Amino acid sequence: MTATLIPTPEATAGLPQVAPQPGHPRNPGMALDLDWVAAVQANTSAIERRAATLPGRRTVKKDWQAAWLARCISLIDLTTLSGDDTPGRVRRLCAKARQPVAPAVLDRLGLPGLTVGAVCVYHDMVETAVRALEGSGIPVAAVSTGFPAGLSPWHLRLAEIGDAEDRLAGNAAALAERPQALVDAVLLAPDDETAAAALPDALFAL
């Protein structure tokens, strides 16, 4: 018999019952100021030591584990960034975003309506994603600017951002940049060794 984990009020205290689904007004933008970027410093040795301790830590169990797994689902940026993406694939991804866990399981956990945090696609698939998620409150994120390296000419990056903004039409969660890619590298790593290699960069990005 498989035990069903029902989070207690104590275990779920402080956690959202469903993923936050705010409206996203169009971003008016702001002046570019690179001074704060130039001022960023990192203690590489301390970051690497901290990252090395994470795999050996004990994980939460039982009710706490269920609560945190639900929390993780609510923060997922469900992504497809394949060069051969199709509208059908994006629509299937959006359906998964709307219902990431079986309804019966969510009902038993007391978390009906739980969704992922956002759906991320290349900007040519933004309109498809927006239509597929209409009424769900799930925001759409787009990657532009020559993602992931960002090495395309500056004028092309600006044009691509403008095009993505027009397609998103106020629905945007973000125009994804390099730090998010580093975090995704850990979450989507194919094996433990690859995840461990990306962990210091992701820790710094967070």
Protein backbone atom coordinates (compact mmCIF):
# COMPACT_ATOMS: atom_id res chain seq x y z
CA MET A 1 0.00 0.00 0.00
CA THR A 2 1.31 3.43 -0.91
CA ALA A 3 1.06 6.06 1.80
CA THR A 4 -0.46 9.39 0.85
CA LEU A 5 1.27 12.44 2.27
CA ILE A 6 -1.15 15.09 3.47
CA PRO A 7 0.70 18.29 4.43
CA THR A 8 -0.21 19.57 7.88
CA PRO A 9 -0.95 23.27 8.46
CA GLU A 10 2.41 23.53 10.23
CA ALA A 11 4.26 22.09 7.22
CA THR A 12 2.59 24.43 4.73
CA ALA A 13 2.73 27.56 6.88
CA GLY A 14 4.17 30.41 4.88
CA LEU A 15 3.85 28.56 1.56
CA PRO A 16 1.34 29.70 -1.09
CA GLN A 17 -1.56 27.33 -1.63
CA VAL A 18 -1.30 27.91 -5.36
CA ALA A 19 1.30 29.58 -7.50
CA PRO A 20 0.95 33.37 -7.49
CA GLN A 21 -0.80 34.47 -10.65
CA PRO A 22 -0.51 38.27 -10.81
CA GLY A 23 -1.33 40.35 -13.83
CA HIS A 24 1.70 41.67 -15.65
CA PRO A 25 1.35 45.25 -16.93
CA ARG A 26 3.61 46.20 -19.82
CA ASN A 27 7.10 47.03 -18.63
CA PRO A 28 7.86 50.69 -19.48
CA GLY A 29 11.60 50.01 -19.25
CA MET A 30 14.31 52.09 -17.61
CA ALA A 31 17.59 53.75 -18.41
CA LEU A 32 20.57 51.38 -18.71
CA ASP A 33 22.98 51.79 -15.81
CA LEU A 34 25.95 49.40 -15.81
CA ASP A 35 27.57 50.86 -12.69
CA TRP A 36 25.83 48.35 -10.43
CA VAL A 37 26.96 45.50 -12.69
CA ALA A 38 30.57 46.67 -12.57
CA ALA A 39 30.34 46.88 -8.76
CA VAL A 40 29.31 43.25 -8.31
CA GLN A 41 31.93 41.12 -6.58
CA ALA A 42 31.97 37.41 -5.80
CA ASN A 43 34.03 35.33 -3.39
CA THR A 44 34.66 32.36 -5.66
CA SER A 45 36.25 30.18 -2.97
CA ALA A 46 33.34 30.74 -0.57
CA ILE A 47 30.79 30.00 -3.30
CA GLU A 48 32.54 26.76 -4.25
CA ARG A 49 32.76 25.66 -0.59
CA ARG A 50 29.07 26.40 -0.07
CA ALA A 51 28.08 24.55 -3.24
CA ALA A 52 30.13 21.52 -2.19
CA THR A 53 28.12 21.18 1.05
CA LEU A 54 24.69 21.16 -0.60
CA PRO A 55 24.56 17.57 -1.98
CA GLY A 56 25.39 16.08 1.43
CA ARG A 57 22.63 17.83 3.37
CA ARG A 58 19.66 15.87 4.64
CA THR A 59 16.41 16.50 2.80
CA VAL A 60 13.03 17.17 4.34
CA LYS A 61 10.67 14.20 4.71
CA LYS A 62 6.96 13.30 4.79
CA ASP A 63 4.58 16.28 5.08
CA TRP A 64 7.38 18.80 4.71
CA GLN A 65 8.61 17.04 1.59
CA ALA A 66 5.17 17.14 -0.01
CA ALA A 67 4.79 20.82 0.84
CA TRP A 68 8.14 21.76 -0.64
CA LEU A 69 7.61 19.67 -3.76
CA ALA A 70 4.35 21.55 -4.32
CA ARG A 71 6.22 24.80 -3.77
CA CYS A 72 8.84 23.77 -6.34
CA ILE A 73 6.14 23.00 -8.90
CA SER A 74 4.67 26.46 -8.40
CA LEU A 75 8.07 28.00 -9.22
CA ILE A 76 8.86 25.96 -12.33
CA ASP A 77 9.48 27.88 -15.55
CA LEU A 78 8.24 25.16 -17.91
CA THR A 79 10.40 25.54 -20.99
CA THR A 80 10.80 24.36 -24.56
CA LEU A 81 13.66 25.88 -26.54
CA SER A 82 14.15 23.39 -29.36
CA GLY A 83 15.01 24.58 -32.82
CA ASP A 84 12.23 22.36 -34.20
CA ASP A 85 9.48 23.54 -31.81
CA THR A 86 6.00 23.46 -33.31
CA PRO A 87 2.72 25.08 -32.23
CA GLY A 88 1.44 21.64 -31.28
CA ARG A 89 4.39 20.99 -28.99
CA VAL A 90 3.97 24.39 -27.34
CA ARG A 91 0.25 23.79 -26.81
CA ARG A 92 1.01 20.44 -25.15
CA LEU A 93 3.53 22.15 -22.90
CA CYS A 94 0.93 24.75 -21.94
CA ALA A 95 -1.58 22.01 -21.13
CA LYS A 96 1.01 20.51 -18.79
CA ALA A 97 1.57 23.92 -17.24
CA ARG A 98 -2.15 24.22 -16.48
CA GLN A 99 -2.28 20.75 -14.92
CA PRO A 100 1.21 19.67 -13.77
CA VAL A 101 -0.14 17.15 -11.24
CA ALA A 102 -3.12 14.81 -11.45
CA PRO A 103 -6.28 16.53 -10.09
CA ALA A 104 -6.98 13.65 -7.69
CA VAL A 105 -3.54 14.05 -6.12
CA LEU A 106 -3.94 17.81 -5.74
CA ASP A 107 -7.37 17.34 -4.14
CA ARG A 108 -5.93 14.93 -1.57
CA LEU A 109 -3.14 17.40 -0.83
CA GLY A 110 -5.62 20.25 -0.47
CA LEU A 111 -3.95 22.17 -3.33
CA PRO A 112 -6.52 22.42 -6.13
CA GLY A 113 -5.55 24.77 -8.93
CA LEU A 114 -1.78 24.39 -8.49
CA THR A 115 0.06 25.39 -11.68
CA VAL A 116 3.63 26.04 -12.69
CA GLY A 117 5.04 29.55 -12.41
CA ALA A 118 5.43 30.36 -16.11
CA VAL A 119 5.92 28.95 -19.60
CA CYS A 120 9.08 29.90 -21.49
CA VAL A 121 9.45 29.72 -25.28
CA TYR A 122 11.39 31.35 -28.07
CA HIS A 123 9.68 34.57 -29.06
CA ASP A 124 8.30 33.22 -32.33
CA MET A 125 6.10 30.87 -30.25
CA VAL A 126 4.89 33.52 -27.80
CA GLU A 127 1.53 34.09 -29.49
CA THR A 128 0.81 30.35 -29.50
CA ALA A 129 1.64 30.09 -25.80
CA VAL A 130 -0.41 33.16 -24.86
CA ARG A 131 -3.48 31.77 -26.63
CA ALA A 132 -3.01 28.32 -25.07
CA LEU A 133 -2.75 29.79 -21.57
CA GLU A 134 -5.58 32.31 -21.91
CA GLY A 135 -7.63 32.53 -18.73
CA SER A 136 -5.15 30.49 -16.67
CA GLY A 137 -3.22 33.40 -15.21
CA ILE A 138 0.05 31.68 -16.10
CA PRO A 139 2.51 34.22 -17.54
CA VAL A 140 4.61 33.62 -20.63
CA ALA A 141 8.36 34.23 -20.66
CA ALA A 142 10.36 34.73 -23.84
CA VAL A 143 14.06 34.30 -24.55
CA SER A 144 15.64 36.75 -26.93
CA THR A 145 18.94 38.58 -27.54
CA GLY A 146 20.71 35.64 -29.13
CA PHE A 147 20.00 33.34 -26.19
CA PRO A 148 21.83 31.65 -24.56
CA ALA A 149 25.20 33.26 -25.36
CA GLY A 150 23.86 36.74 -26.23
CA LEU A 151 26.56 37.28 -28.85
CA SER A 152 24.40 38.51 -31.73
CA PRO A 153 24.92 42.12 -32.90
CA TRP A 154 23.55 44.75 -30.51
CA HIS A 155 20.98 46.18 -32.96
CA LEU A 156 19.61 42.70 -33.62
CA ARG A 157 19.26 42.02 -29.90
CA LEU A 158 17.31 45.25 -29.44
CA ALA A 159 15.08 44.46 -32.40
CA GLU A 160 14.43 40.97 -31.07
CA ILE A 161 13.47 42.32 -27.64
CA GLY A 162 11.08 44.80 -29.25
CA ASP A 163 9.47 42.06 -31.30
CA ALA A 164 9.09 39.83 -28.23
CA GLU A 165 7.48 42.68 -26.26
CA ASP A 166 4.96 43.22 -29.05
CA ARG A 167 4.13 39.51 -29.12
CA LEU A 168 3.84 39.26 -25.35
CA ALA A 169 1.50 42.28 -25.26
CA GLY A 170 1.52 42.74 -21.48
CA ASN A 171 1.59 39.02 -20.65
CA ALA A 172 5.33 38.80 -20.09
CA ALA A 173 6.83 37.22 -17.03
CA ALA A 174 10.33 38.13 -18.20
CA LEU A 175 12.70 38.37 -21.09
CA ALA A 176 14.96 35.61 -19.85
CA GLU A 177 18.64 36.34 -19.45
CA ARG A 178 21.79 34.41 -18.57
CA PRO A 179 21.31 33.98 -14.76
CA GLN A 180 18.00 32.14 -15.29
CA ALA A 181 19.75 29.88 -17.79
CA LEU A 182 22.31 28.98 -15.11
CA VAL A 183 19.58 28.06 -12.65
CA ASP A 184 17.82 25.98 -15.32
CA ALA A 185 21.14 24.24 -16.02
CA VAL A 186 21.01 22.71 -12.54
CA LEU A 187 17.31 21.87 -12.59
CA LEU A 188 17.47 20.28 -16.06
CA ALA A 189 20.89 18.61 -15.82
CA PRO A 190 20.89 15.08 -17.29
CA ASP A 191 22.97 13.64 -14.42
CA ASP A 192 24.35 14.44 -10.97
CA GLU A 193 27.83 15.22 -12.29
CA THR A 194 26.53 17.83 -14.72
CA ALA A 195 24.31 19.39 -12.04
CA ALA A 196 27.22 19.57 -9.60
CA ALA A 197 29.36 21.35 -12.19
CA ALA A 198 26.66 24.01 -12.73
CA LEU A 199 25.80 24.43 -9.04
CA PRO A 200 28.36 27.15 -8.13
CA ASP A 201 27.24 29.39 -11.02
CA ALA A 202 23.57 28.84 -10.14
CA LEU A 203 24.23 29.59 -6.45
CA PHE A 204 25.91 32.86 -7.40
CA ALA A 205 23.07 33.77 -9.77
CA LEU A 206 20.54 33.25 -6.99
